[in-house]
């Protein structure tokens, strides 16, 4: 797992309230705001990734979690899995086998050569469409699920994977910077909502 800490900035107007609000109510509102904002990250990021990558939002959200708020209530750490999904989850379609050359007048008629086989394909980025994966094929895994594999020179099978959620969001993907900017904007927006909700609830107890 890889993680990032999302800090809250540009909220000086709320800090000014600290001097006029009950300290306990203000602290509780801060923690409520951070928690409310951090919970908005998984669906926000999942929606952004699913718009460009061929993965379902529900699958993406499985790899975002582990939300931990700091003791001071001003930041939250969110984990993103670096374990890549198998290529099957990127919509892999099996290839077809070639049937070889037929005919050629050797007692089998003059049928023209058959068409060669087609490689397995999968879609990573929706904008790029399906891409071929030479020498890859589907097999049934131990739990009955399908896996895309390749065979190395020793005959050992190796699973083929697509990019992980962590690498898409935190790495050098084409949409990483936009995803992070959208997440920060969403966090600030939801923090204000969560702060107000928590402050109103706390204020009733300290009024």
N, C-alpha and C. Protein backbone atom coordinates (compact mmCIF):
# COMPACT_ATOMS: atom_id res chain seq x y z
N UNK A 1 0.83 -1.19 0.00
CA UNK A 1 0.00 0.00 0.00
C UNK A 1 0.87 1.25 0.00
N UNK A 2 0.47 2.27 -0.73
CA UNK A 2 1.09 3.58 -0.68
C UNK A 2 0.06 4.54 -0.13
N UNK A 3 0.51 5.62 0.48
CA UNK A 3 -0.44 6.53 1.09
C UNK A 3 -0.04 7.97 0.84
N UNK A 4 -1.00 8.85 0.91
CA UNK A 4 -0.75 10.28 0.82
C UNK A 4 -1.47 10.96 1.97
N UNK A 5 -0.96 12.11 2.38
CA UNK A 5 -1.61 12.90 3.42
C UNK A 5 -2.22 14.12 2.77
N UNK A 6 -3.50 14.26 2.90
CA UNK A 6 -4.22 15.37 2.31
C UNK A 6 -4.44 16.43 3.39
N UNK A 7 -3.70 17.54 3.30
CA UNK A 7 -3.80 18.60 4.29
C UNK A 7 -4.79 19.66 3.84
N UNK A 8 -5.38 20.30 4.81
CA UNK A 8 -6.37 21.33 4.52
C UNK A 8 -5.69 22.69 4.51
N UNK A 9 -5.86 23.43 3.42
CA UNK A 9 -5.29 24.76 3.30
C UNK A 9 -6.36 25.72 2.83
N UNK A 10 -6.09 27.01 3.00
CA UNK A 10 -7.03 28.01 2.52
C UNK A 10 -8.29 28.10 3.36
N UNK A 11 -8.23 27.66 4.62
CA UNK A 11 -9.41 27.69 5.48
C UNK A 11 -9.20 28.62 6.68
N UNK A 12 -8.48 29.72 6.42
CA UNK A 12 -8.18 30.67 7.49
C UNK A 12 -9.43 31.26 8.11
N UNK A 13 -10.51 31.35 7.32
CA UNK A 13 -11.73 31.94 7.84
C UNK A 13 -12.30 31.12 8.98
N UNK A 14 -12.06 29.81 8.93
CA UNK A 14 -12.54 28.96 10.02
C UNK A 14 -11.67 29.10 11.25
N UNK A 15 -10.37 29.30 11.04
CA UNK A 15 -9.49 29.48 12.18
C UNK A 15 -9.85 30.73 12.97
N UNK A 16 -10.38 31.75 12.29
CA UNK A 16 -10.78 32.97 12.98
C UNK A 16 -11.93 32.72 13.95
N UNK A 17 -12.71 31.66 13.66
CA UNK A 17 -13.83 31.34 14.53
C UNK A 17 -13.38 30.71 15.84
N UNK A 18 -12.13 30.26 15.87
CA UNK A 18 -11.66 29.54 17.04
C UNK A 18 -11.71 30.40 18.30
N UNK A 19 -11.51 31.70 18.11
CA UNK A 19 -11.50 32.59 19.27
C UNK A 19 -12.87 32.90 19.82
N UNK A 20 -13.91 32.64 19.03
CA UNK A 20 -15.26 33.00 19.49
C UNK A 20 -16.13 31.77 19.76
N UNK A 21 -15.67 30.59 19.34
CA UNK A 21 -16.43 29.37 19.58
C UNK A 21 -15.88 28.65 20.81
N UNK A 22 -16.71 27.84 21.39
CA UNK A 22 -16.27 27.01 22.49
C UNK A 22 -15.15 26.09 21.98
N UNK A 23 -13.99 26.03 22.66
CA UNK A 23 -12.85 25.24 22.18
C UNK A 23 -13.21 23.79 21.87
N UNK A 24 -13.98 23.17 22.74
CA UNK A 24 -14.33 21.77 22.52
C UNK A 24 -15.22 21.61 21.30
N UNK A 25 -16.14 22.55 21.11
CA UNK A 25 -17.02 22.49 19.95
C UNK A 25 -16.24 22.71 18.66
N UNK A 26 -15.26 23.63 18.71
CA UNK A 26 -14.45 23.92 17.53
C UNK A 26 -13.59 22.70 17.16
N UNK A 27 -12.97 22.08 18.17
CA UNK A 27 -12.13 20.92 17.93
C UNK A 27 -12.94 19.77 17.34
N UNK A 28 -14.14 19.57 17.88
CA UNK A 28 -14.99 18.50 17.37
C UNK A 28 -15.41 18.78 15.94
N UNK A 29 -15.68 20.06 15.63
CA UNK A 29 -16.07 20.43 14.27
C UNK A 29 -14.93 20.19 13.30
N UNK A 30 -13.69 20.47 13.74
CA UNK A 30 -12.54 20.21 12.89
C UNK A 30 -12.42 18.73 12.55
N UNK A 31 -12.50 17.91 13.58
CA UNK A 31 -12.38 16.47 13.34
C UNK A 31 -13.51 15.96 12.46
N UNK A 32 -14.71 16.48 12.69
CA UNK A 32 -15.84 16.08 11.86
C UNK A 32 -15.67 16.51 10.42
N UNK A 33 -15.10 17.70 10.22
CA UNK A 33 -14.88 18.18 8.86
C UNK A 33 -13.87 17.35 8.11
N UNK A 34 -12.78 17.00 8.78
CA UNK A 34 -11.74 16.18 8.14
C UNK A 34 -12.29 14.79 7.79
N UNK A 35 -13.01 14.19 8.72
CA UNK A 35 -13.56 12.85 8.46
C UNK A 35 -14.57 12.88 7.31
N UNK A 36 -15.42 13.91 7.31
CA UNK A 36 -16.42 14.04 6.26
C UNK A 36 -15.75 14.22 4.91
N UNK A 37 -14.67 15.02 4.88
CA UNK A 37 -13.97 15.29 3.62
C UNK A 37 -13.22 14.06 3.13
N UNK A 38 -12.57 13.35 4.06
CA UNK A 38 -11.79 12.18 3.65
C UNK A 38 -12.67 11.08 3.08
N UNK A 39 -13.89 10.96 3.58
CA UNK A 39 -14.79 9.95 3.06
C UNK A 39 -15.25 10.26 1.63
N UNK A 40 -15.10 11.50 1.23
CA UNK A 40 -15.48 11.88 -0.13
C UNK A 40 -14.41 11.54 -1.16
N UNK A 41 -13.20 11.21 -0.68
CA UNK A 41 -12.09 10.94 -1.60
C UNK A 41 -12.29 9.68 -2.43
N UNK A 42 -12.58 8.51 -1.81
CA UNK A 42 -12.71 7.29 -2.64
C UNK A 42 -13.70 7.40 -3.79
N UNK A 43 -14.96 7.87 -3.57
CA UNK A 43 -15.86 7.97 -4.72
C UNK A 43 -15.43 9.00 -5.74
N UNK A 44 -14.80 10.08 -5.27
CA UNK A 44 -14.34 11.12 -6.19
C UNK A 44 -13.22 10.62 -7.09
N UNK A 45 -12.23 9.95 -6.49
CA UNK A 45 -11.12 9.42 -7.27
C UNK A 45 -11.59 8.28 -8.18
N UNK A 46 -12.46 7.42 -7.64
CA UNK A 46 -12.96 6.30 -8.44
C UNK A 46 -13.70 6.79 -9.68
N UNK A 47 -14.49 7.82 -9.53
CA UNK A 47 -15.22 8.38 -10.67
C UNK A 47 -14.26 8.94 -11.71
N UNK A 48 -13.22 9.64 -11.23
CA UNK A 48 -12.24 10.21 -12.16
C UNK A 48 -11.46 9.16 -12.92
N UNK A 49 -11.05 8.10 -12.21
CA UNK A 49 -10.29 7.04 -12.87
C UNK A 49 -11.18 6.27 -13.85
N UNK A 50 -12.40 5.95 -13.42
CA UNK A 50 -13.31 5.18 -14.27
C UNK A 50 -13.67 5.92 -15.55
N UNK A 51 -13.59 7.25 -15.52
CA UNK A 51 -13.91 8.02 -16.73
C UNK A 51 -12.86 7.83 -17.81
N UNK A 52 -11.62 7.50 -17.41
CA UNK A 52 -10.54 7.36 -18.39
C UNK A 52 -10.04 5.93 -18.54
N UNK A 53 -10.11 5.16 -17.46
CA UNK A 53 -9.59 3.80 -17.47
C UNK A 53 -10.73 2.79 -17.49
N UNK A 54 -10.47 1.64 -18.08
CA UNK A 54 -11.49 0.63 -18.26
C UNK A 54 -11.64 -0.25 -17.00
N UNK A 55 -11.99 0.41 -15.89
CA UNK A 55 -12.25 -0.27 -14.63
C UNK A 55 -13.55 0.26 -14.04
N UNK A 56 -14.28 -0.62 -13.36
CA UNK A 56 -15.52 -0.20 -12.71
C UNK A 56 -15.21 0.58 -11.44
N UNK A 57 -16.05 1.58 -11.12
CA UNK A 57 -15.85 2.39 -9.92
C UNK A 57 -15.80 1.53 -8.67
N UNK A 58 -16.67 0.52 -8.61
CA UNK A 58 -16.70 -0.34 -7.42
C UNK A 58 -15.37 -1.06 -7.24
N UNK A 59 -14.76 -1.49 -8.35
CA UNK A 59 -13.46 -2.17 -8.26
C UNK A 59 -12.37 -1.19 -7.83
N UNK A 60 -12.43 0.02 -8.31
CA UNK A 60 -11.42 1.02 -7.97
C UNK A 60 -11.48 1.35 -6.48
N UNK A 61 -12.69 1.51 -5.95
CA UNK A 61 -12.85 1.87 -4.54
C UNK A 61 -12.34 0.79 -3.60
N UNK A 62 -12.27 -0.44 -4.08
CA UNK A 62 -11.71 -1.51 -3.25
C UNK A 62 -10.24 -1.26 -2.92
N UNK A 63 -9.56 -0.50 -3.77
CA UNK A 63 -8.13 -0.24 -3.58
C UNK A 63 -7.85 1.13 -3.00
N UNK A 64 -8.87 1.78 -2.46
CA UNK A 64 -8.70 3.06 -1.78
C UNK A 64 -9.30 2.93 -0.39
N UNK A 65 -8.53 3.23 0.62
CA UNK A 65 -9.09 3.09 1.97
C UNK A 65 -8.05 3.39 3.02
N UNK A 66 -8.25 2.80 4.19
CA UNK A 66 -7.30 3.03 5.29
C UNK A 66 -7.23 4.47 5.72
N UNK A 67 -8.37 5.16 5.80
CA UNK A 67 -8.40 6.57 6.18
C UNK A 67 -8.01 6.73 7.64
N UNK A 68 -6.99 7.55 7.90
CA UNK A 68 -6.55 7.83 9.27
C UNK A 68 -6.44 9.33 9.46
N UNK A 69 -7.10 9.85 10.45
CA UNK A 69 -7.01 11.28 10.75
C UNK A 69 -5.89 11.54 11.75
N UNK A 70 -5.23 12.66 11.59
CA UNK A 70 -4.13 13.03 12.49
C UNK A 70 -4.69 13.47 13.85
N UNK A 71 -3.89 13.37 14.90
CA UNK A 71 -4.35 13.77 16.23
C UNK A 71 -4.84 15.22 16.30
N UNK A 72 -4.23 16.12 15.52
CA UNK A 72 -4.66 17.51 15.57
C UNK A 72 -5.92 17.76 14.75
N UNK A 73 -6.38 16.76 14.03
CA UNK A 73 -7.61 16.90 13.27
C UNK A 73 -7.51 17.74 12.02
N UNK A 74 -6.29 18.07 11.57
CA UNK A 74 -6.13 18.97 10.42
C UNK A 74 -5.73 18.25 9.14
N UNK A 75 -5.56 16.95 9.20
CA UNK A 75 -5.19 16.22 7.99
C UNK A 75 -5.67 14.78 8.11
N UNK A 76 -5.71 14.13 6.97
CA UNK A 76 -6.09 12.72 6.93
C UNK A 76 -5.18 12.01 5.94
N UNK A 77 -4.80 10.80 6.28
CA UNK A 77 -3.96 9.98 5.40
C UNK A 77 -4.82 8.89 4.78
N UNK A 78 -4.74 8.78 3.46
CA UNK A 78 -5.54 7.82 2.71
C UNK A 78 -4.62 6.90 1.93
N UNK A 79 -4.90 5.61 1.98
CA UNK A 79 -4.04 4.62 1.33
C UNK A 79 -4.57 4.23 -0.04
N UNK A 80 -3.64 4.04 -0.97
CA UNK A 80 -3.96 3.59 -2.33
C UNK A 80 -3.14 2.35 -2.63
N UNK A 81 -3.80 1.30 -3.04
CA UNK A 81 -3.12 0.04 -3.28
C UNK A 81 -2.18 0.12 -4.48
N UNK A 82 -1.00 -0.43 -4.29
CA UNK A 82 -0.04 -0.55 -5.39
C UNK A 82 -0.13 -1.93 -6.04
N UNK A 83 -1.03 -2.77 -5.55
CA UNK A 83 -1.20 -4.10 -6.14
C UNK A 83 -2.03 -3.96 -7.41
N UNK A 84 -1.47 -4.26 -8.56
CA UNK A 84 -2.19 -4.02 -9.82
C UNK A 84 -3.30 -5.04 -10.06
N UNK A 85 -4.42 -4.60 -10.63
CA UNK A 85 -5.47 -5.54 -11.04
C UNK A 85 -4.97 -6.40 -12.19
N UNK A 86 -5.47 -7.61 -12.27
CA UNK A 86 -5.11 -8.46 -13.40
C UNK A 86 -5.68 -7.88 -14.69
N UNK A 87 -5.09 -8.27 -15.79
CA UNK A 87 -5.54 -7.74 -17.08
C UNK A 87 -6.98 -8.16 -17.38
N UNK A 88 -7.42 -9.26 -16.75
CA UNK A 88 -8.80 -9.70 -16.92
C UNK A 88 -9.77 -8.61 -16.52
N UNK A 89 -9.41 -7.85 -15.47
CA UNK A 89 -10.30 -6.80 -14.99
C UNK A 89 -10.31 -5.58 -15.90
N UNK A 90 -9.42 -5.57 -16.86
CA UNK A 90 -9.42 -4.52 -17.87
C UNK A 90 -10.08 -5.01 -19.16
N UNK A 91 -11.01 -5.92 -19.00
CA UNK A 91 -11.82 -6.36 -20.14
C UNK A 91 -11.08 -7.19 -21.16
N UNK A 92 -10.19 -8.08 -20.70
CA UNK A 92 -9.44 -8.91 -21.64
C UNK A 92 -10.37 -9.82 -22.45
N UNK A 93 -10.09 -9.93 -23.72
CA UNK A 93 -10.81 -10.84 -24.62
C UNK A 93 -9.82 -11.82 -25.23
N UNK A 94 -10.17 -13.10 -25.21
CA UNK A 94 -9.21 -14.10 -25.72
C UNK A 94 -8.94 -13.93 -27.21
N UNK A 95 -7.77 -14.34 -27.60
CA UNK A 95 -7.44 -14.32 -29.02
C UNK A 95 -7.96 -15.57 -29.71
N UNK A 96 -7.60 -15.72 -30.94
CA UNK A 96 -8.01 -16.91 -31.71
C UNK A 96 -6.77 -17.59 -32.27
N UNK A 97 -6.82 -18.89 -32.37
CA UNK A 97 -5.71 -19.66 -32.91
C UNK A 97 -5.74 -19.67 -34.44
N UNK A 98 -4.58 -19.61 -35.03
CA UNK A 98 -4.50 -19.81 -36.47
C UNK A 98 -4.65 -21.30 -36.78
N UNK A 99 -5.18 -21.61 -37.93
CA UNK A 99 -5.40 -23.02 -38.29
C UNK A 99 -4.35 -23.54 -39.27
N UNK A 100 -3.35 -22.71 -39.55
CA UNK A 100 -2.28 -23.18 -40.43
C UNK A 100 -2.66 -23.09 -41.91
N UNK A 101 -1.72 -23.46 -42.74
CA UNK A 101 -1.95 -23.39 -44.19
C UNK A 101 -2.58 -24.70 -44.65
N UNK A 102 -3.55 -24.57 -45.52
CA UNK A 102 -4.21 -25.75 -46.08
C UNK A 102 -4.07 -25.77 -47.61
N UNK A 103 -4.32 -26.90 -48.16
CA UNK A 103 -4.33 -27.01 -49.61
C UNK A 103 -2.95 -27.13 -50.20
N UNK A 104 -2.60 -26.17 -51.02
CA UNK A 104 -1.32 -26.13 -51.73
C UNK A 104 -1.15 -27.32 -52.68
N UNK A 105 -2.28 -28.00 -53.02
CA UNK A 105 -2.22 -29.04 -54.02
C UNK A 105 -1.58 -30.33 -53.59
N UNK A 106 -1.39 -30.55 -52.32
CA UNK A 106 -0.74 -31.78 -51.86
C UNK A 106 -1.78 -32.81 -51.44
N UNK A 107 -2.66 -33.10 -52.31
CA UNK A 107 -3.70 -34.07 -52.01
C UNK A 107 -4.80 -33.53 -51.12
N UNK A 108 -4.76 -32.22 -50.83
CA UNK A 108 -5.75 -31.62 -49.94
C UNK A 108 -6.50 -30.51 -50.65
N UNK A 109 -6.46 -30.53 -51.94
CA UNK A 109 -7.16 -29.50 -52.68
C UNK A 109 -6.36 -28.22 -52.79
N UNK A 110 -7.02 -27.22 -53.33
CA UNK A 110 -6.34 -25.94 -53.55
C UNK A 110 -6.92 -24.83 -52.69
N UNK A 111 -7.38 -25.18 -51.51
CA UNK A 111 -7.94 -24.17 -50.61
C UNK A 111 -6.86 -23.15 -50.24
N UNK A 112 -7.16 -21.89 -50.34
CA UNK A 112 -6.15 -20.89 -49.98
C UNK A 112 -5.79 -20.95 -48.50
N UNK A 113 -4.64 -20.42 -48.11
CA UNK A 113 -4.22 -20.44 -46.71
C UNK A 113 -5.27 -19.76 -45.82
N UNK A 114 -5.46 -20.31 -44.63
CA UNK A 114 -6.40 -19.71 -43.69
C UNK A 114 -5.81 -18.45 -43.06
N UNK A 115 -6.66 -17.68 -42.44
CA UNK A 115 -6.19 -16.46 -41.79
C UNK A 115 -5.41 -16.80 -40.51
N UNK A 116 -4.41 -16.02 -40.17
CA UNK A 116 -3.67 -16.28 -38.93
C UNK A 116 -4.53 -15.94 -37.72
N UNK A 117 -4.15 -16.44 -36.56
CA UNK A 117 -4.88 -16.16 -35.34
C UNK A 117 -4.72 -14.70 -34.91
N UNK A 118 -5.58 -14.30 -34.01
CA UNK A 118 -5.51 -12.95 -33.46
C UNK A 118 -5.10 -13.00 -32.00
N UNK A 119 -4.30 -12.03 -31.52
CA UNK A 119 -3.85 -12.06 -30.13
C UNK A 119 -4.94 -11.62 -29.16
N UNK A 120 -4.75 -11.96 -27.91
CA UNK A 120 -5.63 -11.48 -26.85
C UNK A 120 -5.57 -9.96 -26.81
N UNK A 121 -6.70 -9.33 -26.50
CA UNK A 121 -6.73 -7.87 -26.42
C UNK A 121 -7.34 -7.42 -25.09
N UNK A 122 -7.01 -6.20 -24.69
CA UNK A 122 -7.58 -5.60 -23.50
C UNK A 122 -7.55 -4.09 -23.66
N UNK A 123 -8.40 -3.40 -22.90
CA UNK A 123 -8.46 -1.95 -22.95
C UNK A 123 -8.02 -1.38 -21.60
N UNK A 124 -6.94 -0.64 -21.59
CA UNK A 124 -6.49 0.04 -20.37
C UNK A 124 -7.09 1.44 -20.34
N UNK A 125 -6.66 2.28 -21.25
CA UNK A 125 -7.23 3.62 -21.39
C UNK A 125 -8.35 3.57 -22.43
N UNK A 126 -9.50 4.07 -22.05
CA UNK A 126 -10.65 4.03 -22.96
C UNK A 126 -10.37 4.76 -24.26
N UNK A 127 -9.65 5.87 -24.18
CA UNK A 127 -9.39 6.67 -25.37
C UNK A 127 -8.51 5.93 -26.38
N UNK A 128 -7.72 4.98 -25.91
CA UNK A 128 -6.81 4.25 -26.80
C UNK A 128 -7.42 2.99 -27.37
N UNK A 129 -8.57 2.58 -26.84
CA UNK A 129 -9.23 1.39 -27.34
C UNK A 129 -8.48 0.11 -27.01
N UNK A 130 -8.83 -0.95 -27.70
CA UNK A 130 -8.24 -2.26 -27.42
C UNK A 130 -6.82 -2.35 -27.97
N UNK A 131 -5.96 -2.96 -27.15
CA UNK A 131 -4.57 -3.17 -27.54
C UNK A 131 -4.26 -4.66 -27.53
N UNK A 132 -3.45 -5.13 -28.48
CA UNK A 132 -3.10 -6.55 -28.50
C UNK A 132 -2.02 -6.89 -27.48
N UNK A 133 -2.09 -8.08 -26.94
CA UNK A 133 -1.08 -8.60 -26.02
C UNK A 133 -0.58 -9.93 -26.61
N UNK A 134 0.52 -9.82 -27.32
CA UNK A 134 1.06 -10.98 -28.02
C UNK A 134 1.47 -12.08 -27.03
N UNK A 135 1.18 -13.31 -27.40
CA UNK A 135 1.56 -14.50 -26.64
C UNK A 135 0.84 -14.62 -25.29
N UNK A 136 -0.15 -13.79 -25.03
CA UNK A 136 -0.92 -13.88 -23.79
C UNK A 136 -2.19 -14.69 -24.04
N UNK A 137 -2.63 -15.38 -23.02
CA UNK A 137 -3.85 -16.18 -23.16
C UNK A 137 -4.53 -16.33 -21.80
N UNK A 138 -5.78 -16.74 -21.83
CA UNK A 138 -6.58 -16.89 -20.61
C UNK A 138 -6.50 -18.30 -20.07
N UNK A 139 -6.43 -18.40 -18.74
CA UNK A 139 -6.53 -19.69 -18.07
C UNK A 139 -7.46 -19.55 -16.88
N UNK A 140 -7.90 -20.65 -16.32
CA UNK A 140 -8.71 -20.63 -15.10
C UNK A 140 -7.79 -20.65 -13.89
N UNK A 141 -7.99 -19.67 -12.97
CA UNK A 141 -7.19 -19.61 -11.76
C UNK A 141 -7.61 -20.64 -10.73
N UNK A 142 -6.92 -20.65 -9.59
CA UNK A 142 -7.20 -21.64 -8.55
C UNK A 142 -8.61 -21.52 -7.99
N UNK A 143 -9.15 -20.30 -7.98
CA UNK A 143 -10.49 -20.10 -7.44
C UNK A 143 -11.56 -20.10 -8.53
N UNK A 144 -11.17 -20.50 -9.73
CA UNK A 144 -12.12 -20.55 -10.83
C UNK A 144 -12.19 -19.28 -11.64
N UNK A 145 -11.50 -18.23 -11.18
CA UNK A 145 -11.50 -16.98 -11.93
C UNK A 145 -10.55 -17.08 -13.11
N UNK A 146 -10.75 -16.23 -14.10
CA UNK A 146 -9.90 -16.24 -15.27
C UNK A 146 -8.71 -15.31 -15.09
N UNK A 147 -7.57 -15.74 -15.55
CA UNK A 147 -6.35 -14.95 -15.49
C UNK A 147 -5.73 -14.87 -16.87
N UNK A 148 -5.13 -13.72 -17.15
CA UNK A 148 -4.35 -13.57 -18.38
C UNK A 148 -2.90 -13.87 -18.02
N UNK A 149 -2.28 -14.77 -18.77
CA UNK A 149 -0.91 -15.18 -18.47
C UNK A 149 -0.07 -15.20 -19.74
N UNK A 150 1.24 -15.21 -19.53
CA UNK A 150 2.21 -15.45 -20.59
C UNK A 150 3.16 -16.55 -20.11
N UNK A 151 3.72 -17.28 -21.04
CA UNK A 151 4.67 -18.33 -20.71
C UNK A 151 6.08 -17.86 -21.05
N UNK A 152 6.99 -17.97 -20.08
CA UNK A 152 8.36 -17.53 -20.34
C UNK A 152 9.15 -18.64 -21.05
N UNK A 153 10.43 -18.38 -21.27
CA UNK A 153 11.25 -19.33 -22.03
C UNK A 153 11.41 -20.66 -21.31
N UNK A 154 11.16 -20.69 -20.01
CA UNK A 154 11.26 -21.92 -19.24
C UNK A 154 9.93 -22.66 -19.13
N UNK A 155 8.91 -22.05 -19.71
CA UNK A 155 7.59 -22.66 -19.66
C UNK A 155 6.77 -22.28 -18.44
N UNK A 156 7.29 -21.37 -17.62
CA UNK A 156 6.57 -20.93 -16.42
C UNK A 156 5.54 -19.86 -16.79
N UNK A 157 4.36 -19.98 -16.20
CA UNK A 157 3.30 -19.01 -16.49
C UNK A 157 3.40 -17.82 -15.54
N UNK A 158 3.21 -16.64 -16.11
CA UNK A 158 3.23 -15.40 -15.33
C UNK A 158 1.98 -14.60 -15.65
N UNK A 159 1.29 -14.13 -14.60
CA UNK A 159 0.09 -13.32 -14.80
C UNK A 159 0.44 -11.97 -15.40
N UNK A 160 -0.47 -11.44 -16.21
CA UNK A 160 -0.30 -10.14 -16.83
C UNK A 160 -1.24 -9.16 -16.13
N UNK A 161 -0.71 -8.01 -15.75
CA UNK A 161 -1.48 -7.04 -14.98
C UNK A 161 -1.61 -5.71 -15.72
N UNK A 162 -2.60 -4.92 -15.29
CA UNK A 162 -2.73 -3.55 -15.74
C UNK A 162 -2.19 -2.62 -14.66
N UNK A 163 -2.26 -1.31 -14.84
CA UNK A 163 -1.75 -0.37 -13.83
C UNK A 163 -2.58 -0.40 -12.56
N UNK A 164 -1.92 -0.19 -11.43
CA UNK A 164 -2.60 -0.18 -10.14
C UNK A 164 -3.28 1.17 -9.90
N UNK A 165 -4.20 1.17 -8.95
CA UNK A 165 -4.89 2.42 -8.60
C UNK A 165 -3.90 3.42 -8.01
N UNK A 166 -2.97 2.91 -7.20
CA UNK A 166 -1.97 3.80 -6.62
C UNK A 166 -1.10 4.46 -7.67
N UNK A 167 -0.70 3.71 -8.69
CA UNK A 167 0.15 4.28 -9.74
C UNK A 167 -0.62 5.26 -10.62
N UNK A 168 -1.90 5.00 -10.81
CA UNK A 168 -2.71 5.91 -11.63
C UNK A 168 -2.90 7.24 -10.91
N UNK A 169 -3.19 7.18 -9.61
CA UNK A 169 -3.47 8.41 -8.85
C UNK A 169 -2.20 9.13 -8.41
N UNK A 170 -1.19 8.36 -7.98
CA UNK A 170 -0.01 8.97 -7.38
C UNK A 170 1.22 8.94 -8.27
N UNK A 171 1.16 8.20 -9.36
CA UNK A 171 2.31 8.05 -10.23
C UNK A 171 2.37 9.07 -11.35
N UNK A 172 2.81 8.60 -12.51
CA UNK A 172 3.00 9.50 -13.65
C UNK A 172 1.98 9.25 -14.75
N UNK A 173 0.79 8.82 -14.37
CA UNK A 173 -0.25 8.60 -15.37
C UNK A 173 -0.66 9.93 -15.99
N UNK A 174 -1.32 9.84 -17.14
CA UNK A 174 -1.71 11.05 -17.87
C UNK A 174 -2.72 11.90 -17.10
N UNK A 175 -3.43 11.28 -16.16
CA UNK A 175 -4.48 12.03 -15.46
C UNK A 175 -4.18 12.21 -13.97
N UNK A 176 -2.97 11.86 -13.53
CA UNK A 176 -2.65 11.92 -12.10
C UNK A 176 -2.81 13.33 -11.53
N UNK A 177 -2.26 14.32 -12.21
CA UNK A 177 -2.33 15.69 -11.70
C UNK A 177 -3.77 16.19 -11.63
N UNK A 178 -4.57 15.85 -12.63
CA UNK A 178 -5.96 16.28 -12.64
C UNK A 178 -6.74 15.58 -11.53
N UNK A 179 -6.47 14.29 -11.33
CA UNK A 179 -7.14 13.55 -10.26
C UNK A 179 -6.83 14.16 -8.90
N UNK A 180 -5.57 14.51 -8.68
CA UNK A 180 -5.17 15.09 -7.40
C UNK A 180 -5.78 16.47 -7.20
N UNK A 181 -5.82 17.27 -8.26
CA UNK A 181 -6.43 18.60 -8.16
C UNK A 181 -7.92 18.50 -7.86
N UNK A 182 -8.60 17.57 -8.53
CA UNK A 182 -10.03 17.37 -8.28
C UNK A 182 -10.28 16.90 -6.85
N UNK A 183 -9.41 16.01 -6.38
CA UNK A 183 -9.57 15.49 -5.02
C UNK A 183 -9.39 16.60 -3.99
N UNK A 184 -8.40 17.46 -4.19
CA UNK A 184 -8.16 18.56 -3.24
C UNK A 184 -9.34 19.53 -3.21
N UNK A 185 -9.89 19.81 -4.39
CA UNK A 185 -11.05 20.71 -4.45
C UNK A 185 -12.25 20.10 -3.75
N UNK A 186 -12.44 18.82 -3.96
CA UNK A 186 -13.55 18.11 -3.31
C UNK A 186 -13.37 18.06 -1.80
N UNK A 187 -12.14 17.86 -1.36
CA UNK A 187 -11.85 17.80 0.07
C UNK A 187 -12.18 19.13 0.74
N UNK A 188 -11.74 20.24 0.15
CA UNK A 188 -12.02 21.56 0.72
C UNK A 188 -13.52 21.81 0.79
N UNK A 189 -14.23 21.44 -0.26
CA UNK A 189 -15.68 21.63 -0.32
C UNK A 189 -16.39 20.81 0.75
N UNK A 190 -16.03 19.55 0.86
CA UNK A 190 -16.68 18.67 1.82
C UNK A 190 -16.26 18.96 3.25
N UNK A 191 -15.04 19.47 3.43
CA UNK A 191 -14.60 19.84 4.77
C UNK A 191 -15.49 20.93 5.34
N UNK A 192 -15.80 21.93 4.53
CA UNK A 192 -16.66 23.02 4.99
C UNK A 192 -18.04 22.50 5.38
N UNK A 193 -18.55 21.58 4.59
CA UNK A 193 -19.87 21.01 4.92
C UNK A 193 -19.80 20.20 6.20
N UNK A 194 -18.76 19.38 6.31
CA UNK A 194 -18.61 18.55 7.49
C UNK A 194 -18.35 19.37 8.74
N UNK A 195 -17.56 20.43 8.60
CA UNK A 195 -17.28 21.32 9.73
C UNK A 195 -18.58 21.93 10.25
N UNK A 196 -19.38 22.45 9.33
CA UNK A 196 -20.62 23.10 9.74
C UNK A 196 -21.57 22.11 10.41
N UNK A 197 -21.69 20.93 9.84
CA UNK A 197 -22.57 19.91 10.43
C UNK A 197 -22.11 19.53 11.83
N UNK A 198 -20.82 19.30 11.97
CA UNK A 198 -20.28 18.89 13.27
C UNK A 198 -20.33 20.02 14.29
N UNK A 199 -20.07 21.24 13.82
CA UNK A 199 -20.11 22.38 14.74
C UNK A 199 -21.51 22.61 15.26
N UNK A 200 -22.50 22.53 14.39
CA UNK A 200 -23.88 22.73 14.84
C UNK A 200 -24.28 21.67 15.86
N UNK A 201 -23.85 20.43 15.59
CA UNK A 201 -24.18 19.35 16.52
C UNK A 201 -23.45 19.55 17.85
N UNK A 202 -22.17 19.97 17.78
CA UNK A 202 -21.40 20.18 19.02
C UNK A 202 -21.90 21.40 19.78
N UNK A 203 -22.26 22.45 19.04
CA UNK A 203 -22.71 23.69 19.68
C UNK A 203 -23.96 23.47 20.52
N UNK A 204 -24.80 22.56 20.07
CA UNK A 204 -26.03 22.29 20.85
C UNK A 204 -25.69 21.71 22.21
N UNK A 205 -24.57 21.02 22.28
CA UNK A 205 -24.17 20.42 23.56
C UNK A 205 -23.38 21.36 24.44
N UNK A 206 -22.84 22.44 23.85
CA UNK A 206 -22.01 23.37 24.63
C UNK A 206 -22.63 24.77 24.70
N UNK A 207 -23.86 24.92 24.21
CA UNK A 207 -24.47 26.23 24.17
C UNK A 207 -24.88 26.74 25.55
